[in-house]
Protein backbone atom coordinates (compact mmCIF):
# COMPACT_ATOMS: atom_id res chain seq x y z
CA MET A 1 -0.05 7.65 -25.26
CA SER A 2 -1.00 6.43 -22.07
CA PHE A 3 1.03 7.26 -18.86
CA ALA A 4 2.71 3.77 -18.96
CA GLN A 5 3.60 3.89 -22.66
CA LYS A 6 5.25 7.10 -22.38
CA LEU A 7 7.24 5.97 -19.12
CA ALA A 8 8.63 2.45 -20.98
CA ASP A 9 9.34 4.85 -23.95
CA GLY A 10 11.13 7.31 -21.69
CA GLN A 11 9.39 10.23 -22.54
CA PHE A 12 8.86 12.76 -19.89
CA VAL A 13 5.81 12.48 -17.64
CA THR A 14 3.56 15.28 -16.24
CA LEU A 15 1.60 14.08 -13.09
CA ALA A 16 -0.88 16.13 -11.46
CA GLU A 17 -1.73 15.45 -7.74
CA LEU A 18 -5.49 16.53 -6.98
CA GLU A 19 -7.07 15.99 -3.52
CA PRO A 20 -10.46 14.48 -3.48
CA PRO A 21 -12.68 16.57 -1.27
CA LYS A 22 -14.02 15.69 2.06
CA GLY A 23 -17.47 15.40 1.39
CA VAL A 24 -19.55 14.57 -2.25
CA ASP A 25 -19.34 17.82 -3.51
CA VAL A 26 -16.88 16.69 -6.20
CA ILE A 27 -17.88 19.73 -8.62
CA ALA A 28 -14.35 21.81 -7.56
CA PHE A 29 -12.38 18.53 -7.85
CA VAL A 30 -13.53 17.02 -11.17
CA GLY A 31 -13.57 20.74 -12.78
CA HIS A 32 -9.97 21.17 -11.79
CA ALA A 33 -9.00 17.77 -13.14
CA GLN A 34 -10.94 18.52 -16.44
CA ARG A 35 -8.77 21.86 -16.90
CA VAL A 36 -5.63 20.08 -17.16
CA LYS A 37 -6.78 17.56 -19.48
CA GLY A 38 -4.28 16.74 -22.13
CA LYS A 39 -2.01 18.41 -20.30
CA VAL A 40 -0.82 16.12 -17.53
CA ASP A 41 -0.12 12.50 -18.67
CA ALA A 42 -2.48 11.15 -15.34
CA VAL A 43 -3.57 12.77 -12.33
CA VAL A 44 -2.55 11.23 -9.27
CA VAL A 45 -5.38 11.24 -6.50
CA PRO A 46 -3.99 10.98 -2.81
CA GLU A 47 -5.18 8.23 -0.22
CA MET A 48 -6.42 10.31 2.76
CA ALA A 49 -3.50 11.94 2.53
CA ASN A 50 -1.67 13.36 6.07
CA ALA A 51 -4.16 10.35 7.43
CA VAL A 52 -7.01 13.25 6.67
CA MET A 53 -10.40 11.79 6.18
CA LYS A 54 -11.80 12.31 2.13
CA ILE A 55 -13.06 10.78 -0.59
CA SER A 56 -11.02 7.24 -1.15
CA SER A 57 -8.49 7.35 -3.96
CA LEU A 58 -10.32 4.39 -5.68
CA GLY A 59 -13.40 6.50 -5.83
CA GLY A 60 -11.87 9.77 -6.92
CA CYS A 61 -10.12 8.31 -9.73
CA MET A 62 -13.43 6.48 -11.23
CA LEU A 63 -14.73 10.27 -11.13
CA LEU A 64 -12.14 11.33 -13.28
CA ALA A 65 -11.98 8.33 -15.46
CA ASN A 66 -15.57 8.57 -16.38
CA LYS A 67 -14.53 12.26 -17.36
CA GLY A 68 -11.76 10.75 -19.43
CA LEU A 69 -9.30 11.31 -17.38
CA GLU A 70 -6.12 8.74 -16.95
CA THR A 71 -5.44 8.66 -12.87
CA VAL A 72 -2.75 6.86 -10.72
CA MET A 73 -4.55 5.13 -7.55
CA GLN A 74 -2.88 5.94 -4.25
CA VAL A 75 -2.70 2.28 -2.54
CA CYS A 76 -1.93 3.29 1.52
CA CYS A 77 -0.87 0.23 3.69
CA ARG A 78 -2.37 2.32 6.64
CA ASP A 79 -5.94 1.61 6.53
CA ARG A 80 -6.97 -1.76 5.32
CA ASN A 81 -5.62 -5.35 5.77
CA ARG A 82 -4.35 -7.87 3.00
CA LEU A 83 -7.82 -8.79 2.31
CA ALA A 84 -9.27 -5.28 1.80
CA LEU A 85 -6.52 -4.35 -0.17
CA GLN A 86 -6.70 -7.22 -2.11
CA ALA A 87 -9.98 -6.39 -2.70
CA ASP A 88 -9.90 -2.83 -4.14
CA LEU A 89 -6.64 -3.75 -6.42
CA LEU A 90 -9.11 -6.11 -8.09
CA ALA A 91 -11.67 -3.71 -8.17
CA ALA A 92 -9.44 -0.98 -9.15
CA ALA A 93 -8.15 -3.18 -12.24
CA ALA A 94 -11.80 -4.35 -13.15
CA LEU A 95 -12.30 -0.99 -13.51
CA GLY A 96 -9.78 0.11 -15.63
CA ILE A 97 -7.88 1.89 -13.24
CA THR A 98 -4.12 0.23 -13.58
CA ASN A 99 -2.00 2.89 -12.54
CA LEU A 100 -0.73 2.81 -8.88
CA MET A 101 1.20 4.01 -6.42
CA ALA A 102 1.82 2.01 -2.99
CA VAL A 103 2.43 4.33 0.13
CA GLU A 104 2.75 3.45 4.02
CA GLY A 105 0.75 6.15 5.22
CA ASP A 106 1.09 8.74 7.71
CA PRO A 107 -0.18 7.61 11.03
CA PRO A 108 -3.42 8.37 11.93
CA SER A 109 -1.99 11.11 14.81
CA TYR A 110 -1.16 13.28 12.31
CA GLY A 111 -4.73 13.38 10.49
CA ASP A 112 -8.25 14.39 11.87
CA HIS A 113 -9.10 11.18 13.56
CA HIS A 114 -7.18 10.40 16.17
CA LYS A 115 -9.22 7.15 17.59
CA ALA A 116 -8.36 5.73 14.63
CA ARG A 117 -6.31 2.49 14.54
CA PRO A 118 -3.74 1.96 11.97
CA VAL A 119 -3.48 -1.46 10.24
CA TYR A 120 -0.23 -1.87 8.88
CA ASP A 121 -1.30 -5.36 7.94
CA LEU A 122 1.36 -4.90 5.28
CA ASN A 123 4.38 -2.89 5.23
CA ASN A 124 5.09 -0.94 1.63
CA GLN A 125 7.76 -3.76 0.40
CA GLU A 126 5.21 -6.25 1.29
CA LEU A 127 2.59 -4.26 -0.49
CA MET A 128 4.84 -4.08 -3.76
CA GLN A 129 5.28 -7.95 -3.47
CA ALA A 130 1.66 -8.53 -3.41
CA ILE A 131 0.66 -6.17 -6.33
CA ALA A 132 3.26 -8.37 -7.86
CA LYS A 133 1.51 -11.74 -6.87
CA LEU A 134 -1.59 -10.50 -8.42
CA ALA A 135 -0.52 -9.77 -11.35
CA SER A 136 1.10 -13.41 -11.77
CA GLY A 137 -2.21 -14.82 -11.40
CA LYS A 138 -2.39 -15.53 -7.91
CA ASP A 139 -3.71 -13.97 -4.85
CA MET A 140 -1.50 -13.80 -1.42
CA ALA A 141 -2.87 -17.36 -0.39
CA GLY A 142 -1.99 -18.92 -3.69
CA VAL A 143 -4.97 -19.10 -5.06
CA GLU A 144 -5.56 -18.74 -8.84
CA LEU A 145 -7.59 -15.76 -10.07
CA GLU A 146 -10.69 -15.50 -12.58
CA GLY A 147 -8.24 -12.99 -14.73
CA THR A 148 -5.41 -11.58 -14.46
CA PRO A 149 -4.94 -7.71 -13.06
CA HIS A 150 -2.37 -5.73 -15.33
CA PHE A 151 -0.78 -2.69 -13.14
CA THR A 152 1.51 -0.05 -13.73
CA VAL A 153 3.22 0.39 -10.29
CA GLY A 154 5.12 3.10 -8.26
CA THR A 155 6.07 3.72 -4.99
CA THR A 156 8.05 6.50 -3.05
CA LEU A 157 12.00 6.82 -2.89
CA ASN A 158 13.12 9.31 0.06
CA THR A 159 15.81 11.16 -1.72
CA GLY A 160 16.33 13.52 0.87
CA ALA A 161 17.80 10.88 3.00
CA LEU A 162 21.17 11.81 2.68
CA GLY A 163 21.97 10.77 6.52
CA ALA A 164 20.41 7.35 5.58
CA VAL A 165 21.22 6.44 1.65
CA GLN A 166 22.37 2.96 1.70
CA GLN A 167 18.91 2.19 3.86
CA GLU A 168 17.18 3.72 1.13
CA LEU A 169 18.88 1.84 -1.34
CA ALA A 170 18.30 -1.67 -0.10
CA GLN A 171 14.66 -0.45 0.28
CA LEU A 172 15.24 0.52 -3.59
CA ASP A 173 16.36 -2.82 -4.60
CA GLN A 174 13.41 -4.64 -2.61
CA ASN A 175 10.86 -2.40 -4.56
CA LEU A 176 12.66 -3.16 -7.88
CA ASP A 177 12.47 -6.71 -7.32
CA ALA A 178 8.73 -6.50 -6.62
CA GLY A 179 8.22 -4.82 -9.67
CA ALA A 180 8.35 -0.95 -9.23
CA GLN A 181 8.75 1.13 -12.50
CA TYR A 182 8.63 4.22 -10.90
CA PHE A 183 9.71 6.40 -7.79
CA ILE A 184 7.93 9.54 -6.61
CA THR A 185 9.96 11.64 -4.59
CA PRO A 186 9.15 14.10 -1.45
CA PRO A 187 9.15 17.74 -2.38
CA VAL A 188 11.93 19.13 -4.05
CA PHE A 189 13.14 22.88 -3.88
CA ASP A 190 16.88 22.00 -4.12
CA LEU A 191 17.94 20.49 -7.28
CA ASP A 192 21.94 20.15 -6.20
CA GLN A 193 20.27 17.81 -3.35
CA LEU A 194 18.47 15.73 -5.27
CA ALA A 195 21.24 15.15 -7.74
CA ALA A 196 23.55 14.86 -4.71
CA PHE A 197 21.26 11.58 -4.15
CA THR A 198 20.81 10.22 -7.31
CA LYS A 199 24.83 9.99 -7.79
CA HIS A 200 24.36 7.10 -5.13
CA LEU A 201 22.29 4.72 -7.91
CA GLY A 202 25.41 3.80 -9.68
CA ASP A 203 24.11 1.47 -12.45
CA ARG A 204 20.14 1.12 -11.43
CA GLN A 205 18.21 2.45 -14.10
CA ILE A 206 15.41 4.07 -12.51
CA LYS A 207 12.15 6.16 -13.54
CA LEU A 208 12.64 8.79 -11.20
CA ILE A 209 9.87 11.76 -10.66
CA PRO A 210 10.57 14.32 -8.75
CA ASN A 211 7.57 16.17 -6.55
CA VAL A 212 7.31 20.00 -7.17
CA LEU A 213 5.16 21.17 -4.20
CA LEU A 214 3.70 24.69 -4.95
CA LEU A 215 4.58 27.49 -2.09
CA LYS A 216 1.73 29.54 -1.00
CA SER A 217 3.63 31.72 1.51
CA VAL A 218 6.48 32.88 3.62
CA GLY A 219 5.19 30.67 6.44
CA MET A 220 4.50 28.09 4.59
CA ALA A 221 8.33 27.94 3.09
CA ARG A 222 9.62 28.38 6.53
CA ALA A 223 7.25 25.72 8.09
CA ILE A 224 8.61 23.07 5.56
CA GLY A 225 12.39 23.99 6.33
CA ARG A 226 11.77 23.68 10.16
CA HIS A 227 9.02 20.32 10.22
CA LEU A 228 9.62 18.30 6.95
CA LYS A 229 13.04 16.25 8.03
CA HIS A 230 13.82 14.78 4.78
CA VAL A 231 12.88 18.09 2.40
CA HIS A 232 15.73 20.85 2.08
CA MET A 233 14.21 24.23 2.22
CA PRO A 234 17.06 27.11 0.76
CA ASP A 235 17.58 30.01 2.40
CA GLU A 236 17.76 32.37 -0.36
CA LEU A 237 14.35 30.57 -1.78
CA ILE A 238 12.61 31.66 1.55
CA GLU A 239 14.20 35.19 0.96
CA ARG A 240 13.31 35.21 -2.41
CA VAL A 241 9.57 34.79 -1.97
CA LYS A 242 9.94 37.19 1.28
CA ASN A 243 11.30 40.35 -1.19
CA ALA A 244 9.19 39.40 -4.08
CA PRO A 245 6.57 42.44 -4.84
CA ASP A 246 4.07 40.03 -5.70
CA ARG A 247 4.37 36.80 -3.86
CA VAL A 248 1.81 34.80 -5.47
CA ARG A 249 3.32 35.16 -8.45
CA GLU A 250 6.80 34.50 -7.35
CA CYS A 251 5.81 31.25 -5.64
CA VAL A 252 4.17 30.33 -9.33
CA GLN A 253 7.24 31.36 -11.20
CA ILE A 254 9.33 29.19 -8.24
CA ALA A 255 7.46 26.11 -9.44
CA VAL A 256 7.78 26.50 -13.12
CA GLU A 257 12.06 26.82 -12.60
CA LEU A 258 11.95 23.91 -10.87
CA ILE A 259 9.98 21.82 -13.09
CA GLU A 260 12.28 23.09 -16.24
CA GLY A 261 15.53 21.87 -14.18
CA ILE A 262 13.91 18.91 -13.53
CA LYS A 263 13.56 18.58 -17.13
CA ALA A 264 16.81 20.19 -18.30
CA ALA A 265 18.08 17.41 -15.52
CA GLY A 266 17.01 14.04 -17.43
CA TYR A 267 14.79 13.16 -15.10
CA SER A 268 11.68 10.83 -15.86
CA GLY A 269 8.90 13.24 -14.83
CA VAL A 270 7.31 15.54 -12.55
CA MET A 271 4.55 15.30 -10.43
CA ILE A 272 3.21 18.68 -9.29
CA SER A 273 1.06 19.10 -6.19
CA PRO A 274 -0.81 22.41 -5.97
CA LEU A 275 -2.03 21.78 -2.43
CA GLY A 276 -5.07 24.17 -2.88
CA TRP A 277 -3.67 26.45 -5.63
CA GLU A 278 -5.06 24.27 -7.93
CA ASP A 279 -6.49 27.22 -10.09
CA ARG A 280 -2.75 27.82 -10.70
CA LEU A 281 -2.30 24.62 -12.41
CA PRO A 282 -3.07 25.63 -16.16
CA HIS A 283 -0.73 28.50 -16.01
CA ILE A 284 2.15 26.14 -14.75
CA LEU A 285 1.76 23.71 -17.37
CA GLY A 286 1.44 26.21 -19.81
CA ALA A 287 4.59 27.76 -18.90
């Protein structure tokens, strides 16, 4: 069953986020994906996350699709104007890449090409509206298309912004109006904080997919707690990793427990982000 079908049927979906390489050696990227084939519903390919130049999401998705894997293509406002965004979306649909995740994109100052000029011709809500326009059979200029693309579209929802809930809910409603079918959260390490946000959803019936980021060290946990504004890192989690006799095993176990908690809480799915520890994915998925 496809990712879109499972999502529509209310079944729990599992996504794995795999970074494409910075270069043309794709052996490891494709190999990691093949090792989770059949264990995940789709592989999310980021579009130059943190503004670091890598193979494009469309290119990465095509590499994996050629190996029989279902993918989710990230569509990023940062690097392309409305002409290029629409062109990439049509190309993706024509090539069979129909699962999308719309993102704003981190500024170039975050990444490795500080002289790059950001585009941001469209913001995230406008990008969602552009995707809906294409799916209606016309481009943003109102010109009819020769063949209409069909997409399963998701975007992000900042469930960690408990101090700006109403602003997040307003953006959520705009994205729902634009046709968003699922929402990915920031990395989640505190399920109670996630639940505190979802209480504000009211009668909105949304497909919420929390992101589980695989910790790699005590230092990483502390850095997340200090520097990621809308991600809550519990002190007890840091201490747990610090005191563990096998810290690698403990980090993997934390991810497994978070996934189990997300599933038990009735969320629509989970996105696992191994961030360099792709070789741990089969164990996490097996557990």
